[in-house]
């Protein structure tokens, strides 16, 4: 073992291990879905989510309209409040 080549120093190995673990946790906790008007999360498959995104983009290009900024702000604030209940 005296002449063994170690591909990573302990710190490099630890950093790589933590990065891989972090990526796995992120991938595992990522759910596709939408929030309905009652602020309930409705799970969707990745394919359904992509389709909805395409439809929303097409509608935006056609109509040039989007969700009002204040409405988005209210929704975002409601998410912050939910974590305290």
PDB file of N, CA and C in Angstrom:
ATOM      1  N   UNK A   1       0.812  -1.195   0.000  1.00  0.00           N
ATOM      2  CA  UNK A   1       0.000   0.000   0.000  1.00  0.00           C
ATOM      3  C   UNK A   1       0.854   1.256   0.000  1.00  0.00           C
ATOM      4  N   UNK A   2       2.092   1.121   0.328  1.00  0.00           N
ATOM      5  CA  UNK A   2       2.961   2.282   0.420  1.00  0.00           C
ATOM      6  C   UNK A   2       3.051   3.023  -0.911  1.00  0.00           C
ATOM      7  N   UNK A   3       3.041   2.297  -2.033  1.00  0.00           N
ATOM      8  CA  UNK A   3       3.175   2.907  -3.349  1.00  0.00           C
ATOM      9  C   UNK A   3       1.838   3.020  -4.089  1.00  0.00           C
ATOM     10  N   UNK A   4       0.735   2.796  -3.400  1.00  0.00           N
ATOM     11  CA  UNK A   4      -0.576   2.857  -4.053  1.00  0.00           C
ATOM     12  C   UNK A   4      -0.885   4.290  -4.480  1.00  0.00           C
ATOM     13  N   UNK A   5      -1.510   4.410  -5.630  1.00  0.00           N
ATOM     14  CA  UNK A   5      -1.902   5.729  -6.126  1.00  0.00           C
ATOM     15  C   UNK A   5      -3.349   5.981  -5.708  1.00  0.00           C
ATOM     16  N   UNK A   6      -3.554   7.070  -5.020  1.00  0.00           N
ATOM     17  CA  UNK A   6      -4.895   7.449  -4.590  1.00  0.00           C
ATOM     18  C   UNK A   6      -5.371   8.538  -5.547  1.00  0.00           C
ATOM     19  N   UNK A   7      -6.481   8.299  -6.268  1.00  0.00           N
ATOM     20  CA  UNK A   7      -6.899   9.250  -7.290  1.00  0.00           C
ATOM     21  C   UNK A   7      -7.349  10.606  -6.738  1.00  0.00           C
ATOM     22  N   UNK A   8      -7.825  10.647  -5.539  1.00  0.00           N
ATOM     23  CA  UNK A   8      -8.295  11.898  -4.944  1.00  0.00           C
ATOM     24  C   UNK A   8      -7.698  12.048  -3.557  1.00  0.00           C
ATOM     25  N   UNK A   9      -7.429  13.267  -3.190  1.00  0.00           N
ATOM     26  CA  UNK A   9      -7.085  13.488  -1.792  1.00  0.00           C
ATOM     27  C   UNK A   9      -8.368  13.312  -0.999  1.00  0.00           C
ATOM     28  N   UNK A  10      -8.261  13.170   0.297  1.00  0.00           N
ATOM     29  CA  UNK A  10      -9.451  12.976   1.123  1.00  0.00           C
ATOM     30  C   UNK A  10     -10.444  14.119   0.957  1.00  0.00           C
ATOM     31  N   UNK A  11      -9.948  15.337   0.871  1.00  0.00           N
ATOM     32  CA  UNK A  11     -10.828  16.487   0.725  1.00  0.00           C
ATOM     33  C   UNK A  11     -11.538  16.473  -0.630  1.00  0.00           C
ATOM     34  N   UNK A  12     -10.800  16.151  -1.687  1.00  0.00           N
ATOM     35  CA  UNK A  12     -11.411  16.077  -3.014  1.00  0.00           C
ATOM     36  C   UNK A  12     -12.467  14.974  -3.064  1.00  0.00           C
ATOM     37  N   UNK A  13     -12.163  13.839  -2.447  1.00  0.00           N
ATOM     38  CA  UNK A  13     -13.114  12.728  -2.405  1.00  0.00           C
ATOM     39  C   UNK A  13     -14.374  13.136  -1.647  1.00  0.00           C
ATOM     40  N   UNK A  14     -14.201  13.792  -0.511  1.00  0.00           N
ATOM     41  CA  UNK A  14     -15.337  14.228   0.295  1.00  0.00           C
ATOM     42  C   UNK A  14     -16.196  15.223  -0.490  1.00  0.00           C
ATOM     43  N   UNK A  15     -15.539  16.163  -1.171  1.00  0.00           N
ATOM     44  CA  UNK A  15     -16.272  17.158  -1.954  1.00  0.00           C
ATOM     45  C   UNK A  15     -17.084  16.483  -3.061  1.00  0.00           C
ATOM     46  N   UNK A  16     -16.476  15.530  -3.750  1.00  0.00           N
ATOM     47  CA  UNK A  16     -17.178  14.807  -4.815  1.00  0.00           C
ATOM     48  C   UNK A  16     -18.346  14.010  -4.243  1.00  0.00           C
ATOM     49  N   UNK A  17     -18.135  13.373  -3.123  1.00  0.00           N
ATOM     50  CA  UNK A  17     -19.185  12.595  -2.470  1.00  0.00           C
ATOM     51  C   UNK A  17     -20.358  13.491  -2.085  1.00  0.00           C
ATOM     52  N   UNK A  18     -20.072  14.643  -1.505  1.00  0.00           N
ATOM     53  CA  UNK A  18     -21.129  15.560  -1.086  1.00  0.00           C
ATOM     54  C   UNK A  18     -21.883  16.128  -2.290  1.00  0.00           C
ATOM     55  N   UNK A  19     -21.175  16.429  -3.357  1.00  0.00           N
ATOM     56  CA  UNK A  19     -21.820  16.937  -4.570  1.00  0.00           C
ATOM     57  C   UNK A  19     -22.764  15.900  -5.139  1.00  0.00           C
ATOM     58  N   UNK A  20     -22.308  14.657  -5.229  1.00  0.00           N
ATOM     59  CA  UNK A  20     -23.158  13.586  -5.750  1.00  0.00           C
ATOM     60  C   UNK A  20     -24.371  13.374  -4.859  1.00  0.00           C
ATOM     61  N   UNK A  21     -24.170  13.401  -3.557  1.00  0.00           N
ATOM     62  CA  UNK A  21     -25.275  13.205  -2.623  1.00  0.00           C
ATOM     63  C   UNK A  21     -26.268  14.354  -2.744  1.00  0.00           C
ATOM     64  N   UNK A  22     -25.780  15.569  -2.864  1.00  0.00           N
ATOM     65  CA  UNK A  22     -26.643  16.739  -3.004  1.00  0.00           C
ATOM     66  C   UNK A  22     -27.471  16.638  -4.279  1.00  0.00           C
ATOM     67  N   UNK A  23     -26.845  16.202  -5.371  1.00  0.00           N
ATOM     68  CA  UNK A  23     -27.570  16.048  -6.631  1.00  0.00           C
ATOM     69  C   UNK A  23     -28.660  14.995  -6.512  1.00  0.00           C
ATOM     70  N   UNK A  24     -28.376  13.902  -5.815  1.00  0.00           N
ATOM     71  CA  UNK A  24     -29.369  12.847  -5.637  1.00  0.00           C
ATOM     72  C   UNK A  24     -30.547  13.357  -4.820  1.00  0.00           C
ATOM     73  N   UNK A  25     -30.277  14.095  -3.759  1.00  0.00           N
ATOM     74  CA  UNK A  25     -31.349  14.626  -2.912  1.00  0.00           C
ATOM     75  C   UNK A  25     -32.218  15.581  -3.724  1.00  0.00           C
ATOM     76  N   UNK A  26     -31.591  16.445  -4.518  1.00  0.00           N
ATOM     77  CA  UNK A  26     -32.343  17.391  -5.337  1.00  0.00           C
ATOM     78  C   UNK A  26     -33.218  16.655  -6.329  1.00  0.00           C
ATOM     79  N   UNK A  27     -32.670  15.646  -6.997  1.00  0.00           N
ATOM     80  CA  UNK A  27     -33.437  14.890  -7.969  1.00  0.00           C
ATOM     81  C   UNK A  27     -34.587  14.148  -7.310  1.00  0.00           C
ATOM     82  N   UNK A  28     -34.373  13.597  -6.139  1.00  0.00           N
ATOM     83  CA  UNK A  28     -35.396  12.826  -5.459  1.00  0.00           C
ATOM     84  C   UNK A  28     -36.527  13.706  -4.952  1.00  0.00           C
ATOM     85  N   UNK A  29     -36.248  14.943  -4.598  1.00  0.00           N
ATOM     86  CA  UNK A  29     -37.266  15.794  -4.000  1.00  0.00           C
ATOM     87  C   UNK A  29     -37.971  16.681  -5.018  1.00  0.00           C
ATOM     88  N   UNK A  30     -37.636  16.549  -6.291  1.00  0.00           N
ATOM     89  CA  UNK A  30     -38.217  17.397  -7.316  1.00  0.00           C
ATOM     90  C   UNK A  30     -39.471  16.748  -7.864  1.00  0.00           C
ATOM     91  N   UNK A  31     -40.614  17.412  -7.684  1.00  0.00           N
ATOM     92  CA  UNK A  31     -41.884  16.921  -8.189  1.00  0.00           C
ATOM     93  C   UNK A  31     -42.429  17.900  -9.212  1.00  0.00           C
ATOM     94  N   UNK A  32     -43.007  17.358 -10.281  1.00  0.00           N
ATOM     95  CA  UNK A  32     -43.678  18.189 -11.268  1.00  0.00           C
ATOM     96  C   UNK A  32     -45.121  18.363 -10.847  1.00  0.00           C
ATOM     97  N   UNK A  33     -45.662  19.536 -11.082  1.00  0.00           N
ATOM     98  CA  UNK A  33     -47.054  19.753 -10.753  1.00  0.00           C
ATOM     99  C   UNK A  33     -47.465  21.184 -10.964  1.00  0.00           C
ATOM    100  N   UNK A  34     -48.699  21.438 -10.594  1.00  0.00           N
ATOM    101  CA  UNK A  34     -49.234  22.785 -10.703  1.00  0.00           C
ATOM    102  C   UNK A  34     -49.985  23.113  -9.428  1.00  0.00           C
ATOM    103  N   UNK A  35     -50.175  24.374  -9.207  1.00  0.00           N
ATOM    104  CA  UNK A  35     -50.940  24.820  -8.047  1.00  0.00           C
ATOM    105  C   UNK A  35     -52.259  25.361  -8.573  1.00  0.00           C
ATOM    106  N   UNK A  36     -53.351  24.772  -8.104  1.00  0.00           N
ATOM    107  CA  UNK A  36     -54.663  25.197  -8.589  1.00  0.00           C
ATOM    108  C   UNK A  36     -55.109  26.485  -7.909  1.00  0.00           C
ATOM    109  N   UNK A  37     -56.291  26.953  -8.273  1.00  0.00           N
ATOM    110  CA  UNK A  37     -56.779  28.227  -7.737  1.00  0.00           C
ATOM    111  C   UNK A  37     -57.010  28.178  -6.233  1.00  0.00           C
ATOM    112  N   UNK A  38     -57.157  26.970  -5.668  1.00  0.00           N
ATOM    113  CA  UNK A  38     -57.305  26.821  -4.220  1.00  0.00           C
ATOM    114  C   UNK A  38     -55.977  26.656  -3.510  1.00  0.00           C
ATOM    115  N   UNK A  39     -54.884  26.906  -4.246  1.00  0.00           N
ATOM    116  CA  UNK A  39     -53.508  26.783  -3.739  1.00  0.00           C
ATOM    117  C   UNK A  39     -53.153  25.359  -3.325  1.00  0.00           C
ATOM    118  N   UNK A  40     -53.758  24.382  -3.996  1.00  0.00           N
ATOM    119  CA  UNK A  40     -53.439  22.974  -3.754  1.00  0.00           C
ATOM    120  C   UNK A  40     -52.492  22.484  -4.833  1.00  0.00           C
ATOM    121  N   UNK A  41     -51.520  21.681  -4.446  1.00  0.00           N
ATOM    122  CA  UNK A  41     -50.554  21.137  -5.393  1.00  0.00           C
ATOM    123  C   UNK A  41     -51.148  19.922  -6.081  1.00  0.00           C
ATOM    124  N   UNK A  42     -51.145  19.936  -7.406  1.00  0.00           N
ATOM    125  CA  UNK A  42     -51.647  18.818  -8.196  1.00  0.00           C
ATOM    126  C   UNK A  42     -50.453  18.199  -8.921  1.00  0.00           C
ATOM    127  N   UNK A  43     -50.074  16.972  -8.561  1.00  0.00           N
ATOM    128  CA  UNK A  43     -48.919  16.343  -9.205  1.00  0.00           C
ATOM    129  C   UNK A  43     -49.170  16.099 -10.694  1.00  0.00           C
ATOM    130  N   UNK A  44     -48.142  16.277 -11.492  1.00  0.00           N
ATOM    131  CA  UNK A  44     -48.191  16.008 -12.921  1.00  0.00           C
ATOM    132  C   UNK A  44     -46.969  15.196 -13.305  1.00  0.00           C
ATOM    133  N   UNK A  45     -47.090  14.452 -14.391  1.00  0.00           N
ATOM    134  CA  UNK A  45     -45.915  13.762 -14.911  1.00  0.00           C
ATOM    135  C   UNK A  45     -45.030  14.797 -15.603  1.00  0.00           C
ATOM    136  N   UNK A  46     -43.810  14.425 -15.853  1.00  0.00           N
ATOM    137  CA  UNK A  46     -42.905  15.339 -16.553  1.00  0.00           C
ATOM    138  C   UNK A  46     -43.477  15.683 -17.928  1.00  0.00           C
ATOM    139  N   UNK A  47     -44.046  14.689 -18.604  1.00  0.00           N
ATOM    140  CA  UNK A  47     -44.626  14.907 -19.932  1.00  0.00           C
ATOM    141  C   UNK A  47     -45.794  15.901 -19.869  1.00  0.00           C
ATOM    142  N   UNK A  48     -46.662  15.765 -18.868  1.00  0.00           N
ATOM    143  CA  UNK A  48     -47.783  16.695 -18.702  1.00  0.00           C
ATOM    144  C   UNK A  48     -47.278  18.111 -18.421  1.00  0.00           C
ATOM    145  N   UNK A  49     -46.241  18.209 -17.614  1.00  0.00           N
ATOM    146  CA  UNK A  49     -45.684  19.517 -17.266  1.00  0.00           C
ATOM    147  C   UNK A  49     -45.088  20.190 -18.503  1.00  0.00           C
ATOM    148  N   UNK A  50     -44.375  19.422 -19.312  1.00  0.00           N
ATOM    149  CA  UNK A  50     -43.789  19.963 -20.538  1.00  0.00           C
ATOM    150  C   UNK A  50     -44.900  20.432 -21.472  1.00  0.00           C
ATOM    151  N   UNK A  51     -45.952  19.616 -21.618  1.00  0.00           N
ATOM    152  CA  UNK A  51     -47.062  19.978 -22.495  1.00  0.00           C
ATOM    153  C   UNK A  51     -47.732  21.273 -22.033  1.00  0.00           C
ATOM    154  N   UNK A  52     -47.958  21.407 -20.739  1.00  0.00           N
ATOM    155  CA  UNK A  52     -48.570  22.636 -20.214  1.00  0.00           C
ATOM    156  C   UNK A  52     -47.669  23.847 -20.450  1.00  0.00           C
ATOM    157  N   UNK A  53     -46.371  23.658 -20.311  1.00  0.00           N
ATOM    158  CA  UNK A  53     -45.431  24.758 -20.545  1.00  0.00           C
ATOM    159  C   UNK A  53     -45.464  25.192 -22.005  1.00  0.00           C
ATOM    160  N   UNK A  54     -45.529  24.228 -22.906  1.00  0.00           N
ATOM    161  CA  UNK A  54     -45.601  24.538 -24.338  1.00  0.00           C
ATOM    162  C   UNK A  54     -46.885  25.295 -24.651  1.00  0.00           C
ATOM    163  N   UNK A  55     -48.007  24.828 -24.106  1.00  0.00           N
ATOM    164  CA  UNK A  55     -49.287  25.498 -24.335  1.00  0.00           C
ATOM    165  C   UNK A  55     -49.280  26.926 -23.786  1.00  0.00           C
ATOM    166  N   UNK A  56     -48.701  27.114 -22.617  1.00  0.00           N
ATOM    167  CA  UNK A  56     -48.628  28.453 -22.020  1.00  0.00           C
ATOM    168  C   UNK A  56     -47.761  29.378 -22.868  1.00  0.00           C
ATOM    169  N   UNK A  57     -46.648  28.868 -23.371  1.00  0.00           N
ATOM    170  CA  UNK A  57     -45.770  29.675 -24.218  1.00  0.00           C
ATOM    171  C   UNK A  57     -46.469  30.044 -25.521  1.00  0.00           C
ATOM    172  N   UNK A  58     -47.185  29.081 -26.123  1.00  0.00           N
ATOM    173  CA  UNK A  58     -47.918  29.364 -27.355  1.00  0.00           C
ATOM    174  C   UNK A  58     -49.002  30.416 -27.116  1.00  0.00           C
ATOM    175  N   UNK A  59     -49.718  30.314 -26.004  1.00  0.00           N
ATOM    176  CA  UNK A  59     -50.762  31.294 -25.677  1.00  0.00           C
ATOM    177  C   UNK A  59     -50.147  32.676 -25.478  1.00  0.00           C
ATOM    178  N   UNK A  60     -49.007  32.725 -24.818  1.00  0.00           N
ATOM    179  CA  UNK A  60     -48.327  34.008 -24.600  1.00  0.00           C
ATOM    180  C   UNK A  60     -47.919  34.634 -25.933  1.00  0.00           C
ATOM    181  N   UNK A  61     -47.365  33.812 -26.816  1.00  0.00           N
ATOM    182  CA  UNK A  61     -46.948  34.332 -28.124  1.00  0.00           C
ATOM    183  C   UNK A  61     -48.147  34.811 -28.939  1.00  0.00           C
ATOM    184  N   UNK A  62     -49.261  34.086 -28.851  1.00  0.00           N
ATOM    185  CA  UNK A  62     -50.468  34.431 -29.599  1.00  0.00           C
ATOM    186  C   UNK A  62     -51.143  35.683 -29.047  1.00  0.00           C
ATOM    187  N   UNK A  63     -51.319  35.720 -27.743  1.00  0.00           N
ATOM    188  CA  UNK A  63     -52.111  36.771 -27.115  1.00  0.00           C
ATOM    189  C   UNK A  63     -51.270  37.876 -26.488  1.00  0.00           C
ATOM    190  N   UNK A  64     -50.013  37.572 -26.230  1.00  0.00           N
ATOM    191  CA  UNK A  64     -49.143  38.561 -25.612  1.00  0.00           C
ATOM    192  C   UNK A  64     -49.524  38.879 -24.179  1.00  0.00           C
ATOM    193  N   UNK A  65     -50.279  37.994 -23.560  1.00  0.00           N
ATOM    194  CA  UNK A  65     -50.687  38.248 -22.178  1.00  0.00           C
ATOM    195  C   UNK A  65     -50.004  37.267 -21.241  1.00  0.00           C
ATOM    196  N   UNK A  66     -49.974  37.644 -20.009  1.00  0.00           N
ATOM    197  CA  UNK A  66     -49.366  36.784 -18.999  1.00  0.00           C
ATOM    198  C   UNK A  66     -50.074  37.027 -17.676  1.00  0.00           C
ATOM    199  N   UNK A  67     -49.606  36.383 -16.642  1.00  0.00           N
ATOM    200  CA  UNK A  67     -50.185  36.561 -15.313  1.00  0.00           C
ATOM    201  C   UNK A  67     -49.699  37.888 -14.741  1.00  0.00           C
ATOM    202  N   UNK A  68     -50.611  38.652 -14.188  1.00  0.00           N
ATOM    203  CA  UNK A  68     -50.292  39.945 -13.598  1.00  0.00           C
ATOM    204  C   UNK A  68     -49.238  39.792 -12.495  1.00  0.00           C
ATOM    205  N   UNK A  69     -48.289  40.717 -12.469  1.00  0.00           N
ATOM    206  CA  UNK A  69     -47.190  40.661 -11.507  1.00  0.00           C
ATOM    207  C   UNK A  69     -47.692  40.612 -10.063  1.00  0.00           C
ATOM    208  N   UNK A  70     -48.706  41.409  -9.746  1.00  0.00           N
ATOM    209  CA  UNK A  70     -49.235  41.420  -8.376  1.00  0.00           C
ATOM    210  C   UNK A  70     -49.845  40.078  -7.994  1.00  0.00           C
ATOM    211  N   UNK A  71     -50.466  39.421  -8.964  1.00  0.00           N
ATOM    212  CA  UNK A  71     -51.042  38.098  -8.686  1.00  0.00           C
ATOM    213  C   UNK A  71     -49.937  37.081  -8.382  1.00  0.00           C
ATOM    214  N   UNK A  72     -48.851  37.161  -9.131  1.00  0.00           N
ATOM    215  CA  UNK A  72     -47.711  36.272  -8.881  1.00  0.00           C
ATOM    216  C   UNK A  72     -47.121  36.558  -7.503  1.00  0.00           C
ATOM    217  N   UNK A  73     -47.004  37.838  -7.147  1.00  0.00           N
ATOM    218  CA  UNK A  73     -46.472  38.216  -5.839  1.00  0.00           C
ATOM    219  C   UNK A  73     -47.357  37.663  -4.716  1.00  0.00           C
ATOM    220  N   UNK A  74     -48.677  37.801  -4.856  1.00  0.00           N
ATOM    221  CA  UNK A  74     -49.601  37.268  -3.845  1.00  0.00           C
ATOM    222  C   UNK A  74     -49.429  35.762  -3.696  1.00  0.00           C
ATOM    223  N   UNK A  75     -49.305  35.076  -4.831  1.00  0.00           N
ATOM    224  CA  UNK A  75     -49.125  33.623  -4.802  1.00  0.00           C
ATOM    225  C   UNK A  75     -47.815  33.260  -4.096  1.00  0.00           C
ATOM    226  N   UNK A  76     -46.731  33.956  -4.450  1.00  0.00           N
ATOM    227  CA  UNK A  76     -45.433  33.673  -3.831  1.00  0.00           C
ATOM    228  C   UNK A  76     -45.472  33.940  -2.330  1.00  0.00           C
ATOM    229  N   UNK A  77     -46.112  35.019  -1.938  1.00  0.00           N
ATOM    230  CA  UNK A  77     -46.237  35.321  -0.511  1.00  0.00           C
ATOM    231  C   UNK A  77     -47.055  34.263   0.207  1.00  0.00           C
ATOM    232  N   UNK A  78     -48.077  33.730  -0.446  1.00  0.00           N
ATOM    233  CA  UNK A  78     -48.895  32.695   0.193  1.00  0.00           C
ATOM    234  C   UNK A  78     -48.075  31.434   0.440  1.00  0.00           C
ATOM    235  N   UNK A  79     -47.118  31.150  -0.441  1.00  0.00           N
ATOM    236  CA  UNK A  79     -46.259  29.979  -0.235  1.00  0.00           C
ATOM    237  C   UNK A  79     -45.388  30.169   0.992  1.00  0.00           C
ATOM    238  N   UNK A  80     -44.899  31.372   1.186  1.00  0.00           N
ATOM    239  CA  UNK A  80     -44.078  31.674   2.356  1.00  0.00           C
ATOM    240  C   UNK A  80     -44.890  31.510   3.630  1.00  0.00           C
ATOM    241  N   UNK A  81     -46.126  31.969   3.605  1.00  0.00           N
ATOM    242  CA  UNK A  81     -46.982  31.864   4.788  1.00  0.00           C
ATOM    243  C   UNK A  81     -47.335  30.420   5.102  1.00  0.00           C
ATOM    244  N   UNK A  82     -47.477  29.577   4.078  1.00  0.00           N
ATOM    245  CA  UNK A  82     -47.867  28.185   4.291  1.00  0.00           C
ATOM    246  C   UNK A  82     -46.856  27.417   5.132  1.00  0.00           C
ATOM    247  N   UNK A  83     -45.579  27.753   5.019  1.00  0.00           N
ATOM    248  CA  UNK A  83     -44.570  26.989   5.756  1.00  0.00           C
ATOM    249  C   UNK A  83     -44.623  27.252   7.258  1.00  0.00           C
ATOM    250  N   UNK A  84     -45.342  28.282   7.676  1.00  0.00           N
ATOM    251  CA  UNK A  84     -45.445  28.590   9.098  1.00  0.00           C
ATOM    252  C   UNK A  84     -46.665  27.946   9.747  1.00  0.00           C
ATOM    253  N   UNK A  85     -47.514  27.292   8.962  1.00  0.00           N
ATOM    254  CA  UNK A  85     -48.714  26.652   9.514  1.00  0.00           C
ATOM    255  C   UNK A  85     -48.469  25.208   9.829  1.00  0.00           C
TER     256      UNK A  85
END
